[in-house]
Amino acid sequence: MGTLKGWDAGKRKMVHIADFRRREARILAKGPVRTIVEMRVEGWRYGGREIDMTSRYILYAGHSDVQVENLIEGDSEGLVFTTGVMKMAENRVCRQDGIIVAFGQGLPRERHLKWEKERVGLAVAVPQEQAVSQIDDKTSYLFQLVPDARGHIDYVFDTRWRKSEWLEGRSDAECAEELAESVRAARTAAVVSRIR
């Protein structure tokens, strides 16, 4: 959920970041105000070019939404990227103004059959002006996106699961609507400032 990948329009599927020179993961901040995880790939051979991409995942205290900042460096002119949420068993999907919400049933990992399935909500909200299409592949509901003039593709994602106490007594439809509202509101990043 919420990872930026390449897009193969001919095959109508995601292109995983597999052919690259170097990859690095760092924790830039770890609370109490926020946590920032940075993933960087250098020399990603994608679309007949070699680009670098830095992705930052920012989680603020008291929030379940994650702000994602992607910076693409190099010649990204005409390249299309994709992000979205995975399809789940018995899921309902809702799409609206740059938002995809899926609420369904799944396992944390299909290999771990000892765990019971949970009702899970997944959501992503992207900038509509950067979305060029909404073509799903067989595993995910997707947006196709292009970088802005600065080389950025920034968006937000969020997740909820049925066992959370604050979802008790709510229908899947109500949970999905709350999740859509959460990512809609989170599209405007939180502002952190020092109070003197």
N, C-alpha and C. Protein backbone atom coordinates (compact mmCIF):
# COMPACT_ATOMS: atom_id res chain seq x y z
N MET A 1 0.84 -1.18 0.00
CA MET A 1 0.00 0.00 0.00
C MET A 1 0.88 1.24 0.00
N GLY A 2 0.62 2.13 -0.93
CA GLY A 2 1.25 3.44 -0.91
C GLY A 2 2.68 3.52 -1.39
N THR A 3 3.23 2.44 -1.96
CA THR A 3 4.59 2.49 -2.50
C THR A 3 4.53 3.01 -3.93
N LEU A 4 5.47 3.85 -4.31
CA LEU A 4 5.54 4.35 -5.68
C LEU A 4 6.37 3.38 -6.52
N LYS A 5 5.80 2.94 -7.62
CA LYS A 5 6.47 2.01 -8.53
C LYS A 5 6.36 2.53 -9.95
N GLY A 6 7.00 1.81 -10.85
CA GLY A 6 6.88 2.15 -12.26
C GLY A 6 5.59 1.59 -12.83
N TRP A 7 5.29 1.95 -14.10
CA TRP A 7 4.05 1.52 -14.74
C TRP A 7 4.35 1.06 -16.16
N ASP A 8 3.91 -0.13 -16.50
CA ASP A 8 4.02 -0.66 -17.86
C ASP A 8 2.64 -0.54 -18.49
N ALA A 9 2.44 0.50 -19.31
CA ALA A 9 1.13 0.75 -19.91
C ALA A 9 0.72 -0.36 -20.86
N GLY A 10 1.67 -0.92 -21.60
CA GLY A 10 1.35 -1.99 -22.54
C GLY A 10 0.82 -3.24 -21.86
N LYS A 11 1.45 -3.61 -20.76
CA LYS A 11 1.04 -4.81 -20.01
C LYS A 11 0.03 -4.49 -18.92
N ARG A 12 -0.24 -3.19 -18.71
CA ARG A 12 -1.18 -2.73 -17.69
C ARG A 12 -0.85 -3.32 -16.32
N LYS A 13 0.42 -3.12 -15.89
CA LYS A 13 0.82 -3.62 -14.58
C LYS A 13 1.95 -2.79 -14.00
N MET A 14 2.12 -2.93 -12.68
CA MET A 14 3.19 -2.23 -11.97
C MET A 14 4.54 -2.78 -12.39
N VAL A 15 5.55 -1.91 -12.36
CA VAL A 15 6.93 -2.31 -12.59
C VAL A 15 7.66 -2.14 -11.26
N HIS A 16 8.10 -3.24 -10.68
CA HIS A 16 8.80 -3.19 -9.41
C HIS A 16 10.20 -2.58 -9.60
N ILE A 17 10.71 -1.99 -8.55
CA ILE A 17 12.04 -1.41 -8.58
C ILE A 17 13.03 -2.55 -8.40
N ALA A 18 13.47 -3.12 -9.52
CA ALA A 18 14.32 -4.31 -9.45
C ALA A 18 15.69 -4.10 -10.09
N ASP A 19 15.77 -3.29 -11.12
CA ASP A 19 17.02 -3.09 -11.85
C ASP A 19 17.62 -1.74 -11.44
N PHE A 20 18.55 -1.77 -10.47
CA PHE A 20 19.10 -0.53 -9.94
C PHE A 20 20.56 -0.76 -9.52
N ARG A 21 21.26 0.34 -9.29
CA ARG A 21 22.66 0.28 -8.89
C ARG A 21 22.82 0.17 -7.38
N ARG A 22 22.01 0.93 -6.63
CA ARG A 22 22.17 0.97 -5.17
C ARG A 22 20.84 1.30 -4.50
N ARG A 23 20.62 0.68 -3.35
CA ARG A 23 19.41 0.96 -2.56
C ARG A 23 19.82 1.15 -1.11
N GLU A 24 19.13 2.09 -0.44
CA GLU A 24 19.46 2.40 0.95
C GLU A 24 18.18 2.73 1.71
N ALA A 25 18.12 2.34 2.97
CA ALA A 25 17.01 2.69 3.86
C ALA A 25 17.59 3.33 5.12
N ARG A 26 16.98 4.45 5.54
CA ARG A 26 17.45 5.13 6.74
C ARG A 26 16.27 5.60 7.57
N ILE A 27 16.46 5.65 8.87
CA ILE A 27 15.48 6.27 9.76
C ILE A 27 16.02 7.66 10.08
N LEU A 28 15.31 8.68 9.63
CA LEU A 28 15.76 10.06 9.81
C LEU A 28 15.29 10.66 11.13
N ALA A 29 14.13 10.22 11.62
CA ALA A 29 13.59 10.69 12.91
C ALA A 29 12.76 9.57 13.50
N LYS A 30 12.78 9.46 14.84
CA LYS A 30 12.00 8.40 15.47
C LYS A 30 11.30 8.89 16.73
N GLY A 31 10.47 9.91 16.55
CA GLY A 31 9.59 10.36 17.61
C GLY A 31 10.26 11.30 18.59
N PRO A 32 9.53 11.90 19.50
CA PRO A 32 8.13 11.67 19.82
C PRO A 32 7.14 12.46 18.95
N VAL A 33 7.60 13.44 18.19
CA VAL A 33 6.69 14.23 17.36
C VAL A 33 6.37 13.51 16.05
N ARG A 34 7.38 12.89 15.45
CA ARG A 34 7.18 12.22 14.17
C ARG A 34 8.25 11.17 13.95
N THR A 35 7.95 10.26 13.04
CA THR A 35 8.90 9.25 12.58
C THR A 35 9.06 9.44 11.08
N ILE A 36 10.30 9.42 10.60
CA ILE A 36 10.55 9.56 9.16
C ILE A 36 11.46 8.42 8.72
N VAL A 37 10.99 7.65 7.75
CA VAL A 37 11.78 6.59 7.14
C VAL A 37 12.05 7.01 5.70
N GLU A 38 13.31 6.91 5.30
CA GLU A 38 13.69 7.30 3.94
C GLU A 38 14.21 6.08 3.19
N MET A 39 13.67 5.88 1.99
CA MET A 39 14.12 4.83 1.09
C MET A 39 14.70 5.53 -0.13
N ARG A 40 15.92 5.15 -0.54
CA ARG A 40 16.55 5.78 -1.71
C ARG A 40 17.04 4.70 -2.63
N VAL A 41 16.73 4.88 -3.91
CA VAL A 41 17.24 3.98 -4.94
C VAL A 41 18.00 4.84 -5.95
N GLU A 42 19.22 4.41 -6.27
CA GLU A 42 20.06 5.14 -7.22
C GLU A 42 20.28 4.26 -8.45
N GLY A 43 20.27 4.90 -9.60
CA GLY A 43 20.53 4.17 -10.84
C GLY A 43 19.42 3.20 -11.20
N TRP A 44 18.16 3.58 -10.91
CA TRP A 44 17.02 2.73 -11.28
C TRP A 44 16.85 2.82 -12.79
N ARG A 45 17.01 1.70 -13.46
CA ARG A 45 16.84 1.65 -14.91
C ARG A 45 15.36 1.40 -15.20
N TYR A 46 14.70 2.47 -15.60
CA TYR A 46 13.26 2.44 -15.80
C TYR A 46 12.91 3.28 -17.02
N GLY A 47 12.11 2.75 -17.90
CA GLY A 47 11.67 3.49 -19.08
C GLY A 47 12.80 3.85 -20.01
N GLY A 48 13.83 3.03 -20.07
CA GLY A 48 14.97 3.30 -20.94
C GLY A 48 15.91 4.37 -20.43
N ARG A 49 15.76 4.75 -19.17
CA ARG A 49 16.61 5.77 -18.56
C ARG A 49 17.13 5.30 -17.22
N GLU A 50 17.97 6.08 -16.64
CA GLU A 50 18.47 5.80 -15.30
C GLU A 50 18.11 6.99 -14.42
N ILE A 51 17.33 6.73 -13.39
CA ILE A 51 16.88 7.80 -12.49
C ILE A 51 17.19 7.42 -11.05
N ASP A 52 17.13 8.41 -10.17
CA ASP A 52 17.25 8.19 -8.73
C ASP A 52 15.91 8.58 -8.11
N MET A 53 15.52 7.88 -7.05
CA MET A 53 14.28 8.22 -6.37
C MET A 53 14.48 8.14 -4.87
N THR A 54 14.07 9.19 -4.17
CA THR A 54 14.08 9.22 -2.71
C THR A 54 12.64 9.29 -2.24
N SER A 55 12.25 8.33 -1.40
CA SER A 55 10.89 8.30 -0.85
C SER A 55 10.98 8.46 0.66
N ARG A 56 10.22 9.42 1.19
CA ARG A 56 10.16 9.62 2.63
C ARG A 56 8.75 9.33 3.11
N TYR A 57 8.66 8.51 4.16
CA TYR A 57 7.39 8.15 4.78
C TYR A 57 7.37 8.80 6.16
N ILE A 58 6.41 9.71 6.38
CA ILE A 58 6.37 10.52 7.60
C ILE A 58 5.08 10.22 8.35
N LEU A 59 5.25 9.78 9.60
CA LEU A 59 4.12 9.47 10.47
C LEU A 59 4.21 10.38 11.68
N TYR A 60 3.18 11.23 11.89
CA TYR A 60 3.14 12.14 13.01
C TYR A 60 2.46 11.48 14.20
N ALA A 61 2.89 11.85 15.41
CA ALA A 61 2.30 11.32 16.64
C ALA A 61 0.79 11.59 16.65
N GLY A 62 0.03 10.61 17.06
CA GLY A 62 -1.42 10.76 17.14
C GLY A 62 -2.14 10.60 15.82
N HIS A 63 -1.44 10.27 14.75
CA HIS A 63 -2.04 10.10 13.42
C HIS A 63 -1.87 8.65 12.96
N SER A 64 -2.78 8.20 12.12
CA SER A 64 -2.61 6.90 11.45
C SER A 64 -2.24 7.10 9.99
N ASP A 65 -2.42 8.33 9.47
CA ASP A 65 -2.08 8.61 8.08
C ASP A 65 -0.57 8.82 7.94
N VAL A 66 -0.05 8.40 6.80
CA VAL A 66 1.37 8.52 6.51
C VAL A 66 1.54 9.46 5.32
N GLN A 67 2.32 10.52 5.51
CA GLN A 67 2.64 11.44 4.42
C GLN A 67 3.80 10.84 3.63
N VAL A 68 3.67 10.79 2.31
CA VAL A 68 4.71 10.22 1.46
C VAL A 68 5.23 11.32 0.54
N GLU A 69 6.55 11.51 0.56
CA GLU A 69 7.20 12.48 -0.33
C GLU A 69 8.16 11.71 -1.22
N ASN A 70 7.94 11.74 -2.52
CA ASN A 70 8.82 11.08 -3.48
C ASN A 70 9.49 12.15 -4.34
N LEU A 71 10.82 12.08 -4.41
CA LEU A 71 11.58 12.98 -5.26
C LEU A 71 12.26 12.14 -6.33
N ILE A 72 11.95 12.43 -7.59
CA ILE A 72 12.56 11.72 -8.71
C ILE A 72 13.61 12.65 -9.32
N GLU A 73 14.85 12.15 -9.41
CA GLU A 73 15.95 12.95 -9.96
C GLU A 73 16.44 12.30 -11.24
N GLY A 74 16.79 13.12 -12.20
CA GLY A 74 17.21 12.63 -13.50
C GLY A 74 16.13 12.94 -14.52
N ASP A 75 16.25 12.39 -15.69
CA ASP A 75 15.30 12.66 -16.77
C ASP A 75 14.03 11.83 -16.59
N SER A 76 13.02 12.44 -15.97
CA SER A 76 11.75 11.74 -15.76
C SER A 76 10.66 12.23 -16.72
N GLU A 77 11.04 13.06 -17.66
CA GLU A 77 10.09 13.59 -18.66
C GLU A 77 9.35 12.44 -19.35
N GLY A 78 8.04 12.43 -19.26
CA GLY A 78 7.23 11.42 -19.93
C GLY A 78 7.10 10.10 -19.18
N LEU A 79 7.81 9.94 -18.06
CA LEU A 79 7.69 8.69 -17.30
C LEU A 79 6.43 8.74 -16.44
N VAL A 80 5.77 7.60 -16.34
CA VAL A 80 4.56 7.47 -15.54
C VAL A 80 4.85 6.49 -14.41
N PHE A 81 4.40 6.83 -13.22
CA PHE A 81 4.59 6.01 -12.03
C PHE A 81 3.21 5.59 -11.51
N THR A 82 3.18 4.67 -10.55
CA THR A 82 1.89 4.22 -10.04
C THR A 82 1.95 3.96 -8.54
N THR A 83 0.82 4.16 -7.88
CA THR A 83 0.64 3.78 -6.47
C THR A 83 -0.82 3.45 -6.26
N GLY A 84 -1.11 2.79 -5.17
CA GLY A 84 -2.48 2.44 -4.87
C GLY A 84 -2.57 1.54 -3.65
N VAL A 85 -3.64 0.76 -3.61
CA VAL A 85 -3.87 -0.18 -2.51
C VAL A 85 -4.19 -1.55 -3.09
N MET A 86 -3.86 -2.58 -2.33
CA MET A 86 -4.07 -3.94 -2.84
C MET A 86 -5.53 -4.36 -2.78
N LYS A 87 -5.88 -5.27 -3.66
CA LYS A 87 -7.21 -5.87 -3.65
C LYS A 87 -7.22 -6.97 -2.59
N MET A 88 -8.34 -7.11 -1.91
CA MET A 88 -8.48 -8.11 -0.86
C MET A 88 -9.75 -8.92 -1.11
N ALA A 89 -9.84 -10.05 -0.45
CA ALA A 89 -11.04 -10.88 -0.55
C ALA A 89 -12.24 -10.11 0.00
N GLU A 90 -13.37 -10.28 -0.65
CA GLU A 90 -14.63 -9.69 -0.19
C GLU A 90 -14.51 -8.19 0.06
N ASN A 91 -13.73 -7.49 -0.79
CA ASN A 91 -13.58 -6.06 -0.52
C ASN A 91 -14.60 -5.22 -1.28
N ARG A 92 -14.85 -4.06 -0.73
CA ARG A 92 -15.62 -3.03 -1.41
C ARG A 92 -14.65 -1.91 -1.68
N VAL A 93 -14.76 -1.31 -2.84
CA VAL A 93 -13.84 -0.24 -3.19
C VAL A 93 -14.63 1.02 -3.48
N CYS A 94 -14.05 2.14 -3.08
CA CYS A 94 -14.67 3.45 -3.30
C CYS A 94 -13.61 4.35 -3.91
N ARG A 95 -13.96 5.02 -4.99
CA ARG A 95 -13.06 5.98 -5.64
C ARG A 95 -13.74 7.33 -5.70
N GLN A 96 -12.99 8.36 -5.34
CA GLN A 96 -13.52 9.71 -5.43
C GLN A 96 -12.38 10.71 -5.44
N ASP A 97 -12.48 11.72 -6.23
CA ASP A 97 -11.55 12.85 -6.33
C ASP A 97 -10.13 12.57 -5.83
N GLY A 98 -9.43 11.67 -6.49
CA GLY A 98 -8.04 11.38 -6.14
C GLY A 98 -7.86 10.46 -4.94
N ILE A 99 -8.91 9.76 -4.56
CA ILE A 99 -8.86 8.86 -3.40
C ILE A 99 -9.33 7.47 -3.80
N ILE A 100 -8.63 6.46 -3.31
CA ILE A 100 -9.10 5.08 -3.43
C ILE A 100 -9.14 4.51 -2.02
N VAL A 101 -10.28 3.92 -1.65
CA VAL A 101 -10.43 3.23 -0.38
C VAL A 101 -10.91 1.81 -0.67
N ALA A 102 -10.23 0.82 -0.11
CA ALA A 102 -10.68 -0.57 -0.20
C ALA A 102 -10.86 -1.08 1.22
N PHE A 103 -11.99 -1.71 1.48
CA PHE A 103 -12.24 -2.31 2.79
C PHE A 103 -12.58 -3.76 2.54
N GLY A 104 -11.75 -4.67 3.04
CA GLY A 104 -11.96 -6.08 2.77
C GLY A 104 -11.32 -6.97 3.81
N GLN A 105 -11.12 -8.22 3.41
CA GLN A 105 -10.61 -9.22 4.35
C GLN A 105 -9.29 -9.77 3.85
N GLY A 106 -8.34 -9.89 4.75
CA GLY A 106 -7.06 -10.43 4.34
C GLY A 106 -6.25 -10.91 5.51
N LEU A 107 -5.18 -11.62 5.19
CA LEU A 107 -4.22 -12.07 6.19
C LEU A 107 -3.03 -11.11 6.16
N PRO A 108 -2.33 -10.97 7.29
CA PRO A 108 -1.12 -10.15 7.25
C PRO A 108 -0.16 -10.63 6.17
N ARG A 109 -0.02 -11.92 6.00
CA ARG A 109 0.74 -12.54 4.92
C ARG A 109 0.06 -13.86 4.61
N GLU A 110 -0.16 -14.13 3.36
CA GLU A 110 -0.88 -15.35 2.98
C GLU A 110 -0.21 -16.61 3.51
N ARG A 111 1.12 -16.58 3.70
CA ARG A 111 1.83 -17.77 4.19
C ARG A 111 1.51 -18.09 5.64
N HIS A 112 1.02 -17.13 6.36
CA HIS A 112 0.81 -17.31 7.80
C HIS A 112 -0.64 -17.66 8.09
N LEU A 113 -1.00 -18.87 7.76
CA LEU A 113 -2.39 -19.29 7.88
C LEU A 113 -2.83 -19.47 9.33
N LYS A 114 -1.89 -19.47 10.28
CA LYS A 114 -2.27 -19.62 11.68
C LYS A 114 -2.98 -18.37 12.22
N TRP A 115 -2.80 -17.22 11.55
CA TRP A 115 -3.47 -16.01 11.99
C TRP A 115 -4.85 -15.93 11.36
N GLU A 116 -5.79 -15.42 12.11
CA GLU A 116 -7.12 -15.28 11.55
C GLU A 116 -7.18 -14.08 10.61
N LYS A 117 -8.08 -14.17 9.65
CA LYS A 117 -8.25 -13.06 8.72
C LYS A 117 -8.89 -11.89 9.46
N GLU A 118 -8.54 -10.69 9.00
CA GLU A 118 -9.08 -9.48 9.60
C GLU A 118 -9.75 -8.64 8.54
N ARG A 119 -10.73 -7.84 8.95
CA ARG A 119 -11.32 -6.83 8.08
C ARG A 119 -10.38 -5.62 8.14
N VAL A 120 -9.93 -5.17 6.97
CA VAL A 120 -8.92 -4.12 6.90
C VAL A 120 -9.37 -3.06 5.90
N GLY A 121 -9.10 -1.81 6.23
CA GLY A 121 -9.33 -0.71 5.32
C GLY A 121 -8.01 -0.12 4.88
N LEU A 122 -7.85 0.10 3.58
CA LEU A 122 -6.64 0.69 3.02
C LEU A 122 -7.05 1.88 2.17
N ALA A 123 -6.32 2.97 2.26
CA ALA A 123 -6.68 4.17 1.49
C ALA A 123 -5.44 4.92 1.04
N VAL A 124 -5.56 5.55 -0.12
CA VAL A 124 -4.51 6.43 -0.63
C VAL A 124 -5.19 7.64 -1.26
N ALA A 125 -4.58 8.82 -1.06
CA ALA A 125 -5.08 10.06 -1.65
C ALA A 125 -3.93 10.73 -2.39
N VAL A 126 -4.12 10.96 -3.67
CA VAL A 126 -3.07 11.54 -4.51
C VAL A 126 -3.50 12.91 -5.02
N PRO A 127 -2.54 13.74 -5.47
CA PRO A 127 -2.92 15.03 -6.07
C PRO A 127 -3.57 14.78 -7.43
N GLN A 128 -4.81 15.21 -7.59
CA GLN A 128 -5.56 14.95 -8.82
C GLN A 128 -4.88 15.52 -10.06
N GLU A 129 -4.18 16.65 -9.90
CA GLU A 129 -3.55 17.27 -11.06
C GLU A 129 -2.36 16.46 -11.58
N GLN A 130 -1.87 15.50 -10.81
CA GLN A 130 -0.76 14.67 -11.25
C GLN A 130 -1.21 13.27 -11.69
N ALA A 131 -2.47 12.95 -11.47
CA ALA A 131 -3.01 11.64 -11.86
C ALA A 131 -3.38 11.68 -13.34
N VAL A 132 -2.78 10.79 -14.12
CA VAL A 132 -3.06 10.75 -15.56
C VAL A 132 -4.05 9.64 -15.92
N SER A 133 -4.22 8.65 -15.03
CA SER A 133 -5.21 7.59 -15.26
C SER A 133 -5.42 6.81 -13.98
N GLN A 134 -6.44 5.94 -14.02
CA GLN A 134 -6.75 5.04 -12.91
C GLN A 134 -6.98 3.65 -13.48
N ILE A 135 -5.90 2.97 -13.82
CA ILE A 135 -6.00 1.63 -14.40
C ILE A 135 -5.48 0.64 -13.36
N ASP A 136 -6.32 -0.30 -12.98
CA ASP A 136 -5.94 -1.30 -11.99
C ASP A 136 -5.19 -2.44 -12.66
N ASP A 137 -4.37 -3.14 -11.88
CA ASP A 137 -3.81 -4.39 -12.37
C ASP A 137 -4.50 -5.52 -11.61
N LYS A 138 -4.03 -6.75 -11.76
CA LYS A 138 -4.77 -7.86 -11.17
C LYS A 138 -4.67 -7.91 -9.65
N THR A 139 -3.69 -7.23 -9.05
CA THR A 139 -3.53 -7.30 -7.60
C THR A 139 -3.89 -6.01 -6.85
N SER A 140 -3.99 -4.88 -7.57
CA SER A 140 -4.14 -3.60 -6.87
C SER A 140 -5.07 -2.63 -7.60
N TYR A 141 -5.68 -1.72 -6.83
CA TYR A 141 -6.40 -0.57 -7.36
C TYR A 141 -5.38 0.55 -7.45
N LEU A 142 -5.24 1.18 -8.61
CA LEU A 142 -4.09 2.05 -8.85
C LEU A 142 -4.43 3.41 -9.45
N PHE A 143 -3.55 4.37 -9.16
CA PHE A 143 -3.47 5.64 -9.87
C PHE A 143 -2.16 5.64 -10.65
N GLN A 144 -2.16 6.20 -11.84
CA GLN A 144 -0.92 6.45 -12.58
C GLN A 144 -0.64 7.95 -12.46
N LEU A 145 0.61 8.28 -12.13
CA LEU A 145 0.97 9.65 -11.78
C LEU A 145 2.22 10.10 -12.51
N VAL A 146 2.33 11.41 -12.70
CA VAL A 146 3.55 12.01 -13.26
C VAL A 146 4.11 12.99 -12.22
N PRO A 147 5.44 13.16 -12.20
CA PRO A 147 6.04 14.12 -11.26
C PRO A 147 5.62 15.55 -11.59
N ASP A 148 5.62 16.41 -10.57
CA ASP A 148 5.37 17.83 -10.81
C ASP A 148 6.65 18.48 -11.34
N ALA A 149 6.63 19.78 -11.50
CA ALA A 149 7.78 20.50 -12.08
C ALA A 149 9.04 20.37 -11.24
N ARG A 150 8.89 20.08 -9.94
CA ARG A 150 10.05 19.91 -9.06
C ARG A 150 10.53 18.46 -9.00
N GLY A 151 9.85 17.55 -9.70
CA GLY A 151 10.20 16.13 -9.66
C GLY A 151 9.55 15.39 -8.52
N HIS A 152 8.51 15.98 -7.91
CA HIS A 152 7.84 15.37 -6.76
C HIS A 152 6.56 14.66 -7.15
N ILE A 153 6.29 13.57 -6.43
CA ILE A 153 4.97 12.93 -6.41
C ILE A 153 4.69 12.68 -4.93
N ASP A 154 3.90 13.54 -4.31
CA ASP A 154 3.61 13.45 -2.89
C ASP A 154 2.15 13.07 -2.69
N TYR A 155 1.89 12.23 -1.71
CA TYR A 155 0.52 11.77 -1.44
C TYR A 155 0.46 11.25 -0.01
N VAL A 156 -0.68 10.71 0.39
CA VAL A 156 -0.88 10.21 1.74
C VAL A 156 -1.59 8.86 1.67
N PHE A 157 -1.27 7.98 2.64
CA PHE A 157 -2.05 6.74 2.77
C PHE A 157 -2.38 6.50 4.23
N ASP A 158 -3.36 5.63 4.45
CA ASP A 158 -3.84 5.34 5.81
C ASP A 158 -4.40 3.92 5.81
N THR A 159 -4.48 3.33 6.98
CA THR A 159 -5.05 2.00 7.12
C THR A 159 -5.81 1.89 8.43
N ARG A 160 -6.81 1.06 8.44
CA ARG A 160 -7.59 0.76 9.64
C ARG A 160 -7.88 -0.74 9.64
N TRP A 161 -8.03 -1.30 10.78
CA TRP A 161 -8.40 -2.71 10.84
C TRP A 161 -9.53 -2.88 11.82
N ARG A 162 -10.37 -3.86 11.54
CA ARG A 162 -11.61 -4.06 12.25
C ARG A 162 -11.41 -4.25 13.75
N LYS A 163 -10.31 -4.82 14.18
CA LYS A 163 -10.11 -5.08 15.60
C LYS A 163 -9.80 -3.80 16.40
N SER A 164 -9.61 -2.68 15.73
CA SER A 164 -9.40 -1.42 16.44
C SER A 164 -10.67 -1.09 17.21
N GLU A 165 -10.53 -0.75 18.47
CA GLU A 165 -11.70 -0.49 19.31
C GLU A 165 -12.60 0.60 18.75
N TRP A 166 -12.01 1.62 18.14
CA TRP A 166 -12.81 2.74 17.68
C TRP A 166 -13.61 2.42 16.43
N LEU A 167 -13.50 1.20 15.87
CA LEU A 167 -14.34 0.79 14.74
C LEU A 167 -15.52 -0.05 15.19
N GLU A 168 -15.59 -0.39 16.47
CA GLU A 168 -16.68 -1.22 16.96
C GLU A 168 -18.03 -0.57 16.69
N GLY A 169 -18.96 -1.39 16.24
CA GLY A 169 -20.31 -0.91 16.00
C GLY A 169 -20.51 -0.16 14.69
N ARG A 170 -19.46 0.00 13.90
CA ARG A 170 -19.57 0.70 12.62
C ARG A 170 -19.59 -0.32 11.48
N SER A 171 -20.36 -0.02 10.47
CA SER A 171 -20.40 -0.88 9.28
C SER A 171 -19.13 -0.67 8.45
N ASP A 172 -18.88 -1.61 7.52
CA ASP A 172 -17.74 -1.45 6.62
C ASP A 172 -17.87 -0.15 5.82
N ALA A 173 -19.09 0.17 5.41
CA ALA A 173 -19.31 1.40 4.64
C ALA A 173 -18.95 2.63 5.47
N GLU A 174 -19.34 2.65 6.74
CA GLU A 174 -19.00 3.78 7.62
C GLU A 174 -17.49 3.86 7.84
N CYS A 175 -16.85 2.70 8.02
CA CYS A 175 -15.40 2.68 8.22
C CYS A 175 -14.69 3.20 6.97
N ALA A 176 -15.16 2.78 5.80
CA ALA A 176 -14.55 3.22 4.54
C ALA A 176 -14.71 4.73 4.38
N GLU A 177 -15.87 5.27 4.72
CA GLU A 177 -16.09 6.72 4.60
C GLU A 177 -15.19 7.49 5.56
N GLU A 178 -15.02 6.98 6.79
CA GLU A 178 -14.13 7.63 7.74
C GLU A 178 -12.68 7.61 7.24
N LEU A 179 -12.30 6.49 6.62
CA LEU A 179 -10.95 6.37 6.08
C LEU A 179 -10.75 7.34 4.92
N ALA A 180 -11.75 7.47 4.06
CA ALA A 180 -11.68 8.43 2.95
C ALA A 180 -11.54 9.85 3.49
N GLU A 181 -12.29 10.17 4.53
CA GLU A 181 -12.22 11.50 5.12
C GLU A 181 -10.85 11.75 5.76
N SER A 182 -10.28 10.71 6.36
CA SER A 182 -8.97 10.83 6.98
C SER A 182 -7.90 11.19 5.94
N VAL A 183 -7.86 10.47 4.82
CA VAL A 183 -6.82 10.77 3.81
C VAL A 183 -7.12 12.07 3.08
N ARG A 184 -8.40 12.41 2.93
CA ARG A 184 -8.75 13.70 2.31
C ARG A 184 -8.22 14.84 3.16
N ALA A 185 -8.43 14.77 4.47
CA ALA A 185 -7.95 15.82 5.38
C ALA A 185 -6.43 15.83 5.47
N ALA A 186 -5.81 14.65 5.36
CA ALA A 186 -4.36 14.54 5.52
C ALA A 186 -3.59 14.98 4.29
N ARG A 187 -4.29 15.24 3.17
CA ARG A 187 -3.56 15.71 1.98
C ARG A 187 -2.83 17.01 2.25
N THR A 188 -3.32 17.77 3.22
CA THR A 188 -2.61 18.97 3.66
C THR A 188 -1.72 18.52 4.81
N ALA A 189 -0.42 18.52 4.58
CA ALA A 189 0.53 18.01 5.57
C ALA A 189 0.45 18.78 6.87
N ALA A 190 0.68 18.08 7.96
CA ALA A 190 0.72 18.70 9.28
C ALA A 190 1.88 19.70 9.34
N VAL A 191 1.66 20.78 10.06
CA VAL A 191 2.71 21.79 10.23
C VAL A 191 3.24 21.68 11.65
N VAL A 192 4.54 21.51 11.77
CA VAL A 192 5.16 21.42 13.09
C VAL A 192 5.94 22.70 13.31
N SER A 193 5.66 23.36 14.43
CA SER A 193 6.39 24.59 14.72
C SER A 193 6.71 24.64 16.21
N ARG A 194 7.74 25.38 16.56
CA ARG A 194 8.14 25.52 17.95
C ARG A 194 7.35 26.66 18.59
N ILE A 195 6.79 26.39 19.74
CA ILE A 195 6.07 27.43 20.49
C ILE A 195 7.04 28.04 21.48
N ARG A 196 7.12 29.34 21.45
CA ARG A 196 8.05 30.03 22.36
C ARG A 196 7.32 30.74 23.44
